[in-house]
Every structure is written in C-alpha cells, then in structure tokens.
Amino acid sequence: MPALRLAALALAALALQGCLARTAVNVVTLPVRAASAGVDAVTTSQSEADEKRGREIRKREERLGKLDRDYQRQLKRCENGDESACERSRAIYAEMKALSPGID
C-alpha cells in the first residue's frame, strides 16, 4: 500500500511540473502580451486608415450628389421667379463648395 501511494505521489509530481512550468511562462510573458495588445489598440494600420478615408470620401460624394440634385431643383425654381429658392440655391452651392476640396 505505501508503495502505491509513493508511486501515485511521484506520478502527480511529474504531471504537475508541466502545469507549473506552463503557468510560469504565462506569468512571465503576460506583461509583454498586454503591452503589445495596448499598442495594437492605439495604432492604426495603413489599410485601416485607407478604409476609413474611403468611407469618408464615399459619404462626401453621396452628400454632394444629394446637394447637387437639391441645387438643380432650387435653381429651376429660382429661374421661375421664386426668390426664396434663389437663397436656398446659394446656400446649397456654398455647402457644395465647402465639401468639394476634401474629395481628391
């Protein structure tokens, strides 16, 4: 009986060595992994920046398209003598000019 306990204890000690070694490695590398995750969260890759810029340009182009349709509509009304439409068309044109430089 004591030999069986001794064998079980020796087997448990051998099995736990791997767990302890793995835990020690995890504890040692934890600060490095945490720091690299923080750097990844803060920095933006070039492809992410390109995608973001592309989305912004598409949104501006969509807005410009809508403004152009509104501008044409208001311009037609202005030509027919609607003074308030003339004012709106000037405001729309100013907004279109403000958005245009951002599109390359």
PDB file of N, CA and C in Angstrom:
ATOM      1  N   MET A   1       0.812  -1.188   0.000  1.00  0.00           N
ATOM      2  CA  MET A   1       0.000   0.000   0.000  1.00  0.00           C
ATOM      3  C   MET A   1       0.864   1.264   0.000  1.00  0.00           C
ATOM      4  N   PRO A   2       1.899   1.346   0.861  1.00  0.00           N
ATOM      5  CA  PRO A   2       2.714   2.556   0.852  1.00  0.00           C
ATOM      6  C   PRO A   2       3.433   2.728  -0.486  1.00  0.00           C
ATOM      7  N   ALA A   3       3.769   1.661  -1.173  1.00  0.00           N
ATOM      8  CA  ALA A   3       4.454   1.777  -2.452  1.00  0.00           C
ATOM      9  C   ALA A   3       3.504   2.360  -3.509  1.00  0.00           C
ATOM     10  N   LEU A   4       2.254   1.993  -3.408  1.00  0.00           N
ATOM     11  CA  LEU A   4       1.262   2.521  -4.341  1.00  0.00           C
ATOM     12  C   LEU A   4       1.070   4.016  -4.118  1.00  0.00           C
ATOM     13  N   ARG A   5       1.035   4.446  -2.870  1.00  0.00           N
ATOM     14  CA  ARG A   5       0.898   5.878  -2.558  1.00  0.00           C
ATOM     15  C   ARG A   5       2.120   6.645  -3.055  1.00  0.00           C
ATOM     16  N   LEU A   6       3.289   6.045  -2.849  1.00  0.00           N
ATOM     17  CA  LEU A   6       4.522   6.690  -3.278  1.00  0.00           C
ATOM     18  C   LEU A   6       4.559   6.812  -4.810  1.00  0.00           C
ATOM     19  N   ALA A   7       4.102   5.798  -5.508  1.00  0.00           N
ATOM     20  CA  ALA A   7       4.062   5.838  -6.970  1.00  0.00           C
ATOM     21  C   ALA A   7       3.058   6.885  -7.454  1.00  0.00           C
ATOM     22  N   ALA A   8       1.909   6.957  -6.797  1.00  0.00           N
ATOM     23  CA  ALA A   8       0.893   7.948  -7.170  1.00  0.00           C
ATOM     24  C   ALA A   8       1.404   9.363  -6.911  1.00  0.00           C
ATOM     25  N   LEU A   9       2.102   9.548  -5.790  1.00  0.00           N
ATOM     26  CA  LEU A   9       2.676  10.852  -5.457  1.00  0.00           C
ATOM     27  C   LEU A   9       3.750  11.251  -6.470  1.00  0.00           C
ATOM     28  N   ALA A  10       4.592  10.316  -6.871  1.00  0.00           N
ATOM     29  CA  ALA A  10       5.641  10.589  -7.849  1.00  0.00           C
ATOM     30  C   ALA A  10       5.021  10.928  -9.212  1.00  0.00           C
ATOM     31  N   LEU A  11       3.980  10.200  -9.588  1.00  0.00           N
ATOM     32  CA  LEU A  11       3.303  10.460 -10.847  1.00  0.00           C
ATOM     33  C   LEU A  11       2.626  11.839 -10.826  1.00  0.00           C
ATOM     34  N   ALA A  12       2.020  12.198  -9.718  1.00  0.00           N
ATOM     35  CA  ALA A  12       1.369  13.511  -9.590  1.00  0.00           C
ATOM     36  C   ALA A  12       2.406  14.621  -9.659  1.00  0.00           C
ATOM     37  N   ALA A  13       3.568  14.412  -9.031  1.00  0.00           N
ATOM     38  CA  ALA A  13       4.627  15.423  -9.063  1.00  0.00           C
ATOM     39  C   ALA A  13       5.134  15.634 -10.487  1.00  0.00           C
ATOM     40  N   LEU A  14       5.284  14.556 -11.238  1.00  0.00           N
ATOM     41  CA  LEU A  14       5.733  14.678 -12.628  1.00  0.00           C
ATOM     42  C   LEU A  14       4.687  15.385 -13.487  1.00  0.00           C
ATOM     43  N   ALA A  15       3.435  15.072 -13.263  1.00  0.00           N
ATOM     44  CA  ALA A  15       2.364  15.673 -14.050  1.00  0.00           C
ATOM     45  C   ALA A  15       2.230  17.165 -13.745  1.00  0.00           C
ATOM     46  N   LEU A  16       2.422  17.553 -12.501  1.00  0.00           N
ATOM     47  CA  LEU A  16       2.280  18.950 -12.107  1.00  0.00           C
ATOM     48  C   LEU A  16       3.452  19.813 -12.570  1.00  0.00           C
ATOM     49  N   GLN A  17       4.587  19.235 -12.846  1.00  0.00           N
ATOM     50  CA  GLN A  17       5.735  20.026 -13.280  1.00  0.00           C
ATOM     51  C   GLN A  17       5.430  20.749 -14.585  1.00  0.00           C
ATOM     52  N   GLY A  18       4.769  20.083 -15.500  1.00  0.00           N
ATOM     53  CA  GLY A  18       4.407  20.711 -16.775  1.00  0.00           C
ATOM     54  C   GLY A  18       3.438  21.856 -16.572  1.00  0.00           C
ATOM     55  N   CYS A  19       2.469  21.663 -15.677  1.00  0.00           N
ATOM     56  CA  CYS A  19       1.500  22.722 -15.396  1.00  0.00           C
ATOM     57  C   CYS A  19       2.184  23.921 -14.767  1.00  0.00           C
ATOM     58  N   LEU A  20       3.069  23.653 -13.829  1.00  0.00           N
ATOM     59  CA  LEU A  20       3.772  24.736 -13.160  1.00  0.00           C
ATOM     60  C   LEU A  20       4.682  25.487 -14.131  1.00  0.00           C
ATOM     61  N   ALA A  21       5.351  24.757 -15.004  1.00  0.00           N
ATOM     62  CA  ALA A  21       6.228  25.403 -15.979  1.00  0.00           C
ATOM     63  C   ALA A  21       5.411  26.257 -16.951  1.00  0.00           C
ATOM     64  N   ARG A  22       4.302  25.741 -17.405  1.00  0.00           N
ATOM     65  CA  ARG A  22       3.446  26.486 -18.334  1.00  0.00           C
ATOM     66  C   ARG A  22       2.900  27.739 -17.657  1.00  0.00           C
ATOM     67  N   THR A  23       2.494  27.623 -16.407  1.00  0.00           N
ATOM     68  CA  THR A  23       1.988  28.771 -15.654  1.00  0.00           C
ATOM     69  C   THR A  23       3.080  29.814 -15.482  1.00  0.00           C
ATOM     70  N   ALA A  24       4.289  29.366 -15.191  1.00  0.00           N
ATOM     71  CA  ALA A  24       5.397  30.308 -15.027  1.00  0.00           C
ATOM     72  C   ALA A  24       5.672  31.058 -16.331  1.00  0.00           C
ATOM     73  N   VAL A  25       5.626  30.360 -17.456  1.00  0.00           N
ATOM     74  CA  VAL A  25       5.841  31.011 -18.750  1.00  0.00           C
ATOM     75  C   VAL A  25       4.727  32.011 -19.014  1.00  0.00           C
ATOM     76  N   ASN A  26       3.492  31.653 -18.721  1.00  0.00           N
ATOM     77  CA  ASN A  26       2.364  32.563 -18.932  1.00  0.00           C
ATOM     78  C   ASN A  26       2.496  33.819 -18.074  1.00  0.00           C
ATOM     79  N   VAL A  27       2.931  33.657 -16.840  1.00  0.00           N
ATOM     80  CA  VAL A  27       3.095  34.805 -15.945  1.00  0.00           C
ATOM     81  C   VAL A  27       4.212  35.715 -16.447  1.00  0.00           C
ATOM     82  N   VAL A  28       5.281  35.129 -16.939  1.00  0.00           N
ATOM     83  CA  VAL A  28       6.409  35.928 -17.426  1.00  0.00           C
ATOM     84  C   VAL A  28       6.044  36.671 -18.706  1.00  0.00           C
ATOM     85  N   THR A  29       5.315  36.051 -19.606  1.00  0.00           N
ATOM     86  CA  THR A  29       5.004  36.690 -20.892  1.00  0.00           C
ATOM     87  C   THR A  29       3.762  37.569 -20.841  1.00  0.00           C
ATOM     88  N   LEU A  30       3.022  37.562 -19.766  1.00  0.00           N
ATOM     89  CA  LEU A  30       1.795  38.350 -19.663  1.00  0.00           C
ATOM     90  C   LEU A  30       2.035  39.848 -19.872  1.00  0.00           C
ATOM     91  N   PRO A  31       3.032  40.468 -19.220  1.00  0.00           N
ATOM     92  CA  PRO A  31       3.228  41.909 -19.443  1.00  0.00           C
ATOM     93  C   PRO A  31       3.555  42.245 -20.897  1.00  0.00           C
ATOM     94  N   VAL A  32       4.309  41.384 -21.561  1.00  0.00           N
ATOM     95  CA  VAL A  32       4.665  41.629 -22.960  1.00  0.00           C
ATOM     96  C   VAL A  32       3.413  41.550 -23.834  1.00  0.00           C
ATOM     97  N   ARG A  33       2.588  40.546 -23.629  1.00  0.00           N
ATOM     98  CA  ARG A  33       1.364  40.405 -24.409  1.00  0.00           C
ATOM     99  C   ARG A  33       0.409  41.562 -24.141  1.00  0.00           C
ATOM    100  N   ALA A  34       0.320  41.991 -22.882  1.00  0.00           N
ATOM    101  CA  ALA A  34      -0.564  43.107 -22.543  1.00  0.00           C
ATOM    102  C   ALA A  34      -0.084  44.398 -23.201  1.00  0.00           C
ATOM    103  N   ALA A  35       1.207  44.629 -23.191  1.00  0.00           N
ATOM    104  CA  ALA A  35       1.756  45.848 -23.802  1.00  0.00           C
ATOM    105  C   ALA A  35       1.541  45.837 -25.314  1.00  0.00           C
ATOM    106  N   SER A  36       1.760  44.709 -25.958  1.00  0.00           N
ATOM    107  CA  SER A  36       1.570  44.653 -27.414  1.00  0.00           C
ATOM    108  C   SER A  36       0.105  44.814 -27.776  1.00  0.00           C
ATOM    109  N   ALA A  37      -0.793  44.291 -26.958  1.00  0.00           N
ATOM    110  CA  ALA A  37      -2.224  44.478 -27.220  1.00  0.00           C
ATOM    111  C   ALA A  37      -2.590  45.952 -27.083  1.00  0.00           C
ATOM    112  N   GLY A  38      -2.003  46.639 -26.113  1.00  0.00           N
ATOM    113  CA  GLY A  38      -2.252  48.073 -25.941  1.00  0.00           C
ATOM    114  C   GLY A  38      -1.746  48.882 -27.119  1.00  0.00           C
ATOM    115  N   VAL A  39      -0.579  48.535 -27.619  1.00  0.00           N
ATOM    116  CA  VAL A  39      -0.026  49.229 -28.787  1.00  0.00           C
ATOM    117  C   VAL A  39      -0.901  48.987 -30.006  1.00  0.00           C
ATOM    118  N   ASP A  40      -1.360  47.752 -30.199  1.00  0.00           N
ATOM    119  CA  ASP A  40      -2.235  47.441 -31.334  1.00  0.00           C
ATOM    120  C   ASP A  40      -3.541  48.221 -31.249  1.00  0.00           C
ATOM    121  N   ALA A  41      -4.055  48.398 -30.050  1.00  0.00           N
ATOM    122  CA  ALA A  41      -5.315  49.116 -29.881  1.00  0.00           C
ATOM    123  C   ALA A  41      -5.148  50.603 -30.180  1.00  0.00           C
ATOM    124  N   VAL A  42      -3.993  51.153 -29.908  1.00  0.00           N
ATOM    125  CA  VAL A  42      -3.771  52.583 -30.085  1.00  0.00           C
ATOM    126  C   VAL A  42      -3.393  52.932 -31.521  1.00  0.00           C
ATOM    127  N   THR A  43      -2.625  52.081 -32.171  1.00  0.00           N
ATOM    128  CA  THR A  43      -2.155  52.396 -33.521  1.00  0.00           C
ATOM    129  C   THR A  43      -3.163  51.950 -34.571  1.00  0.00           C
ATOM    130  N   THR A  44      -3.127  52.610 -35.710  1.00  0.00           N
ATOM    131  CA  THR A  44      -3.995  52.272 -36.834  1.00  0.00           C
ATOM    132  C   THR A  44      -3.118  51.819 -37.993  1.00  0.00           C
ATOM    133  N   SER A  45      -3.447  50.694 -38.546  1.00  0.00           N
ATOM    134  CA  SER A  45      -2.655  50.205 -39.673  1.00  0.00           C
ATOM    135  C   SER A  45      -2.969  51.036 -40.916  1.00  0.00           C
ATOM    136  N   GLN A  46      -2.110  50.948 -41.903  1.00  0.00           N
ATOM    137  CA  GLN A  46      -2.306  51.710 -43.138  1.00  0.00           C
ATOM    138  C   GLN A  46      -3.590  51.296 -43.833  1.00  0.00           C
ATOM    139  N   SER A  47      -3.888  50.000 -43.841  1.00  0.00           N
ATOM    140  CA  SER A  47      -5.109  49.546 -44.516  1.00  0.00           C
ATOM    141  C   SER A  47      -6.357  50.053 -43.789  1.00  0.00           C
ATOM    142  N   GLU A  48      -6.316  50.089 -42.462  1.00  0.00           N
ATOM    143  CA  GLU A  48      -7.449  50.628 -41.711  1.00  0.00           C
ATOM    144  C   GLU A  48      -7.630  52.111 -42.008  1.00  0.00           C
ATOM    145  N   ALA A  49      -6.531  52.847 -42.092  1.00  0.00           N
ATOM    146  CA  ALA A  49      -6.609  54.269 -42.403  1.00  0.00           C
ATOM    147  C   ALA A  49      -7.157  54.480 -43.812  1.00  0.00           C
ATOM    148  N   ASP A  50      -6.730  53.649 -44.763  1.00  0.00           N
ATOM    149  CA  ASP A  50      -7.237  53.753 -46.131  1.00  0.00           C
ATOM    150  C   ASP A  50      -8.733  53.469 -46.194  1.00  0.00           C
ATOM    151  N   GLU A  51      -9.178  52.439 -45.475  1.00  0.00           N
ATOM    152  CA  GLU A  51     -10.600  52.109 -45.459  1.00  0.00           C
ATOM    153  C   GLU A  51     -11.416  53.255 -44.871  1.00  0.00           C
ATOM    154  N   LYS A  52     -10.913  53.842 -43.797  1.00  0.00           N
ATOM    155  CA  LYS A  52     -11.614  54.950 -43.159  1.00  0.00           C
ATOM    156  C   LYS A  52     -11.708  56.138 -44.109  1.00  0.00           C
ATOM    157  N   ARG A  53     -10.622  56.445 -44.774  1.00  0.00           N
ATOM    158  CA  ARG A  53     -10.614  57.558 -45.734  1.00  0.00           C
ATOM    159  C   ARG A  53     -11.572  57.274 -46.887  1.00  0.00           C
ATOM    160  N   GLY A  54     -11.595  56.051 -47.358  1.00  0.00           N
ATOM    161  CA  GLY A  54     -12.525  55.677 -48.431  1.00  0.00           C
ATOM    162  C   GLY A  54     -13.974  55.857 -48.022  1.00  0.00           C
ATOM    163  N   ARG A  55     -14.302  55.464 -46.788  1.00  0.00           N
ATOM    164  CA  ARG A  55     -15.671  55.646 -46.282  1.00  0.00           C
ATOM    165  C   ARG A  55     -16.031  57.123 -46.219  1.00  0.00           C
ATOM    166  N   GLU A  56     -15.091  57.944 -45.732  1.00  0.00           N
ATOM    167  CA  GLU A  56     -15.345  59.382 -45.645  1.00  0.00           C
ATOM    168  C   GLU A  56     -15.578  59.987 -47.027  1.00  0.00           C
ATOM    169  N   ILE A  57     -14.772  59.582 -47.992  1.00  0.00           N
ATOM    170  CA  ILE A  57     -14.925  60.118 -49.354  1.00  0.00           C
ATOM    171  C   ILE A  57     -16.271  59.702 -49.943  1.00  0.00           C
ATOM    172  N   ARG A  58     -16.654  58.430 -49.747  1.00  0.00           N
ATOM    173  CA  ARG A  58     -17.953  57.974 -50.270  1.00  0.00           C
ATOM    174  C   ARG A  58     -19.099  58.748 -49.638  1.00  0.00           C
ATOM    175  N   LYS A  59     -19.018  59.010 -48.334  1.00  0.00           N
ATOM    176  CA  LYS A  59     -20.078  59.772 -47.670  1.00  0.00           C
ATOM    177  C   LYS A  59     -20.149  61.192 -48.233  1.00  0.00           C
ATOM    178  N   ARG A  60     -18.991  61.810 -48.457  1.00  0.00           N
ATOM    179  CA  ARG A  60     -18.987  63.162 -49.029  1.00  0.00           C
ATOM    180  C   ARG A  60     -19.560  63.157 -50.441  1.00  0.00           C
ATOM    181  N   GLU A  61     -19.191  62.142 -51.232  1.00  0.00           N
ATOM    182  CA  GLU A  61     -19.712  62.067 -52.596  1.00  0.00           C
ATOM    183  C   GLU A  61     -21.225  61.877 -52.603  1.00  0.00           C
ATOM    184  N   GLU A  62     -21.728  61.052 -51.679  1.00  0.00           N
ATOM    185  CA  GLU A  62     -23.175  60.866 -51.572  1.00  0.00           C
ATOM    186  C   GLU A  62     -23.848  62.178 -51.194  1.00  0.00           C
ATOM    187  N   ARG A  63     -23.252  62.881 -50.237  1.00  0.00           N
ATOM    188  CA  ARG A  63     -23.802  64.169 -49.805  1.00  0.00           C
ATOM    189  C   ARG A  63     -23.765  65.176 -50.960  1.00  0.00           C
ATOM    190  N   LEU A  64     -22.658  65.205 -51.692  1.00  0.00           N
ATOM    191  CA  LEU A  64     -22.563  66.114 -52.837  1.00  0.00           C
ATOM    192  C   LEU A  64     -23.611  65.788 -53.900  1.00  0.00           C
ATOM    193  N   GLY A  65     -23.868  64.522 -54.129  1.00  0.00           N
ATOM    194  CA  GLY A  65     -24.892  64.123 -55.095  1.00  0.00           C
ATOM    195  C   GLY A  65     -26.261  64.618 -54.686  1.00  0.00           C
ATOM    196  N   LYS A  66     -26.580  64.462 -53.419  1.00  0.00           N
ATOM    197  CA  LYS A  66     -27.871  64.932 -52.915  1.00  0.00           C
ATOM    198  C   LYS A  66     -27.953  66.452 -52.994  1.00  0.00           C
ATOM    199  N   LEU A  67     -26.869  67.124 -52.609  1.00  0.00           N
ATOM    200  CA  LEU A  67     -26.864  68.581 -52.675  1.00  0.00           C
ATOM    201  C   LEU A  67     -27.013  69.062 -54.114  1.00  0.00           C
ATOM    202  N   ASP A  68     -26.369  68.386 -55.055  1.00  0.00           N
ATOM    203  CA  ASP A  68     -26.465  68.791 -56.450  1.00  0.00           C
ATOM    204  C   ASP A  68     -27.898  68.662 -56.960  1.00  0.00           C
ATOM    205  N   ARG A  69     -28.572  67.571 -56.601  1.00  0.00           N
ATOM    206  CA  ARG A  69     -29.975  67.413 -57.011  1.00  0.00           C
ATOM    207  C   ARG A  69     -30.836  68.522 -56.422  1.00  0.00           C
ATOM    208  N   ASP A  70     -30.631  68.817 -55.127  1.00  0.00           N
ATOM    209  CA  ASP A  70     -31.385  69.901 -54.487  1.00  0.00           C
ATOM    210  C   ASP A  70     -31.057  71.244 -55.125  1.00  0.00           C
ATOM    211  N   TYR A  71     -29.782  71.452 -55.435  1.00  0.00           N
ATOM    212  CA  TYR A  71     -29.347  72.708 -56.047  1.00  0.00           C
ATOM    213  C   TYR A  71     -30.027  72.904 -57.405  1.00  0.00           C
ATOM    214  N   GLN A  72     -30.024  71.862 -58.217  1.00  0.00           N
ATOM    215  CA  GLN A  72     -30.656  71.958 -59.538  1.00  0.00           C
ATOM    216  C   GLN A  72     -32.150  72.260 -59.409  1.00  0.00           C
ATOM    217  N   ARG A  73     -32.802  71.628 -58.457  1.00  0.00           N
ATOM    218  CA  ARG A  73     -34.231  71.850 -58.227  1.00  0.00           C
ATOM    219  C   ARG A  73     -34.496  73.301 -57.815  1.00  0.00           C
ATOM    220  N   GLN A  74     -33.675  73.790 -56.848  1.00  0.00           N
ATOM    221  CA  GLN A  74     -33.854  75.156 -56.366  1.00  0.00           C
ATOM    222  C   GLN A  74     -33.504  76.174 -57.456  1.00  0.00           C
ATOM    223  N   LEU A  75     -32.508  75.869 -58.265  1.00  0.00           N
ATOM    224  CA  LEU A  75     -32.103  76.767 -59.346  1.00  0.00           C
ATOM    225  C   LEU A  75     -33.234  76.929 -60.367  1.00  0.00           C
ATOM    226  N   LYS A  76     -33.910  75.825 -60.664  1.00  0.00           N
ATOM    227  CA  LYS A  76     -35.042  75.878 -61.589  1.00  0.00           C
ATOM    228  C   LYS A  76     -36.159  76.758 -61.027  1.00  0.00           C
ATOM    229  N   ARG A  77     -36.431  76.589 -59.739  1.00  0.00           N
ATOM    230  CA  ARG A  77     -37.464  77.407 -59.093  1.00  0.00           C
ATOM    231  C   ARG A  77     -37.049  78.875 -59.069  1.00  0.00           C
ATOM    232  N   CYS A  78     -35.751  79.110 -58.862  1.00  0.00           N
ATOM    233  CA  CYS A  78     -35.234  80.476 -58.847  1.00  0.00           C
ATOM    234  C   CYS A  78     -35.419  81.129 -60.219  1.00  0.00           C
ATOM    235  N   GLU A  79     -35.132  80.381 -61.270  1.00  0.00           N
ATOM    236  CA  GLU A  79     -35.304  80.903 -62.633  1.00  0.00           C
ATOM    237  C   GLU A  79     -36.757  81.226 -62.938  1.00  0.00           C
ATOM    238  N   ASN A  80     -37.667  80.563 -62.225  1.00  0.00           N
ATOM    239  CA  ASN A  80     -39.100  80.824 -62.406  1.00  0.00           C
ATOM    240  C   ASN A  80     -39.584  81.971 -61.523  1.00  0.00           C
ATOM    241  N   GLY A  81     -38.662  82.620 -60.797  1.00  0.00           N
ATOM    242  CA  GLY A  81     -39.032  83.804 -60.032  1.00  0.00           C
ATOM    243  C   GLY A  81     -39.190  83.600 -58.535  1.00  0.00           C
ATOM    244  N   ASP A  82     -38.904  82.428 -58.008  1.00  0.00           N
ATOM    245  CA  ASP A  82     -39.028  82.177 -56.560  1.00  0.00           C
ATOM    246  C   ASP A  82     -37.761  82.666 -55.865  1.00  0.00           C
ATOM    247  N   GLU A  83     -37.866  83.812 -55.174  1.00  0.00           N
ATOM    248  CA  GLU A  83     -36.702  84.424 -54.533  1.00  0.00           C
ATOM    249  C   GLU A  83     -36.153  83.567 -53.384  1.00  0.00           C
ATOM    250  N   SER A  84     -37.020  82.901 -52.636  1.00  0.00           N
ATOM    251  CA  SER A  84     -36.533  82.054 -51.534  1.00  0.00           C
ATOM    252  C   SER A  84     -35.755  80.854 -52.084  1.00  0.00           C
ATOM    253  N   ALA A  85     -36.146  80.384 -53.263  1.00  0.00           N
ATOM    254  CA  ALA A  85     -35.415  79.292 -53.895  1.00  0.00           C
ATOM    255  C   ALA A  85     -34.021  79.754 -54.302  1.00  0.00           C
ATOM    256  N   CYS A  86     -33.900  81.026 -54.706  1.00  0.00           N
ATOM    257  CA  CYS A  86     -32.586  81.573 -55.055  1.00  0.00           C
ATOM    258  C   CYS A  86     -31.667  81.580 -53.829  1.00  0.00           C
ATOM    259  N   GLU A  87     -32.216  81.972 -52.692  1.00  0.00           N
ATOM    260  CA  GLU A  87     -31.428  81.982 -51.448  1.00  0.00           C
ATOM    261  C   GLU A  87     -31.006  80.565 -51.064  1.00  0.00           C
ATOM    262  N   ARG A  88     -31.941  79.632 -51.163  1.00  0.00           N
ATOM    263  CA  ARG A  88     -31.623  78.240 -50.832  1.00  0.00           C
ATOM    264  C   ARG A  88     -30.568  77.683 -51.791  1.00  0.00           C
ATOM    265  N   SER A  89     -30.674  78.025 -53.071  1.00  0.00           N
ATOM    266  CA  SER A  89     -29.696  77.517 -54.030  1.00  0.00           C
ATOM    267  C   SER A  89     -28.300  78.074 -53.729  1.00  0.00           C
ATOM    268  N   ARG A  90     -28.219  79.330 -53.295  1.00  0.00           N
ATOM    269  CA  ARG A  90     -26.917  79.901 -52.926  1.00  0.00           C
ATOM    270  C   ARG A  90     -26.339  79.203 -51.699  1.00  0.00           C
ATOM    271  N   ALA A  91     -27.193  78.892 -50.720  1.00  0.00           N
ATOM    272  CA  ALA A  91     -26.734  78.194 -49.515  1.00  0.00           C
ATOM    273  C   ALA A  91     -26.258  76.781 -49.858  1.00  0.00           C
ATOM    274  N   ILE A  92     -27.005  76.110 -50.722  1.00  0.00           N
ATOM    275  CA  ILE A  92     -26.624  74.756 -51.136  1.00  0.00           C
ATOM    276  C   ILE A  92     -25.305  74.794 -51.898  1.00  0.00           C
ATOM    277  N   TYR A  93     -25.149  75.783 -52.782  1.00  0.00           N
ATOM    278  CA  TYR A  93     -23.917  75.907 -53.559  1.00  0.00           C
ATOM    279  C   TYR A  93     -22.713  76.135 -52.642  1.00  0.00           C
ATOM    280  N   ALA A  94     -22.896  76.951 -51.600  1.00  0.00           N
ATOM    281  CA  ALA A  94     -21.812  77.205 -50.649  1.00  0.00           C
ATOM    282  C   ALA A  94     -21.419  75.921 -49.920  1.00  0.00           C
ATOM    283  N   GLU A  95     -22.413  75.133 -49.547  1.00  0.00           N
ATOM    284  CA  GLU A  95     -22.115  73.865 -48.873  1.00  0.00           C
ATOM    285  C   GLU A  95     -21.398  72.904 -49.821  1.00  0.00           C
ATOM    286  N   MET A  96     -21.801  72.902 -51.085  1.00  0.00           N
ATOM    287  CA  MET A  96     -21.140  72.038 -52.062  1.00  0.00           C
ATOM    288  C   MET A  96     -19.675  72.444 -52.225  1.00  0.00           C
ATOM    289  N   LYS A  97     -19.407  73.725 -52.279  1.00  0.00           N
ATOM    290  CA  LYS A  97     -18.032  74.203 -52.417  1.00  0.00           C
ATOM    291  C   LYS A  97     -17.209  73.859 -51.175  1.00  0.00           C
ATOM    292  N   ALA A  98     -17.834  73.897 -50.017  1.00  0.00           N
ATOM    293  CA  ALA A  98     -17.117  73.565 -48.775  1.00  0.00           C
ATOM    294  C   ALA A  98     -16.746  72.081 -48.749  1.00  0.00           C
ATOM    295  N   LEU A  99     -17.599  71.232 -49.298  1.00  0.00           N
ATOM    296  CA  LEU A  99     -17.335  69.788 -49.301  1.00  0.00           C
ATOM    297  C   LEU A  99     -16.357  69.369 -50.409  1.00  0.00           C
ATOM    298  N   SER A 100     -16.343  70.097 -51.516  1.00  0.00           N
ATOM    299  CA  SER A 100     -15.567  69.687 -52.686  1.00  0.00           C
ATOM    300  C   SER A 100     -14.066  69.547 -52.462  1.00  0.00           C
ATOM    301  N   PRO A 101     -13.382  70.440 -51.742  1.00  0.00           N
ATOM    302  CA  PRO A 101     -11.915  70.288 -51.616  1.00  0.00           C
ATOM    303  C   PRO A 101     -11.489  68.995 -50.952  1.00  0.00           C
ATOM    304  N   GLY A 102     -12.355  68.360 -50.167  1.00  0.00           N
ATOM    305  CA  GLY A 102     -11.985  67.135 -49.473  1.00  0.00           C
ATOM    306  C   GLY A 102     -11.968  65.913 -50.357  1.00  0.00           C
ATOM    307  N   ILE A 103     -12.484  66.033 -51.580  1.00  0.00           N
ATOM    308  CA  ILE A 103     -12.534  64.891 -52.491  1.00  0.00           C
ATOM    309  C   ILE A 103     -11.437  65.049 -53.515  1.00  0.00           C
ATOM    310  N   ASP A 104     -10.527  64.086 -53.546  1.00  0.00           N
ATOM    311  CA  ASP A 104      -9.389  64.152 -54.477  1.00  0.00           C
ATOM    312  C   ASP A 104      -9.678  63.420 -55.738  1.00  0.00           C
TER     313      ASP A 104
END
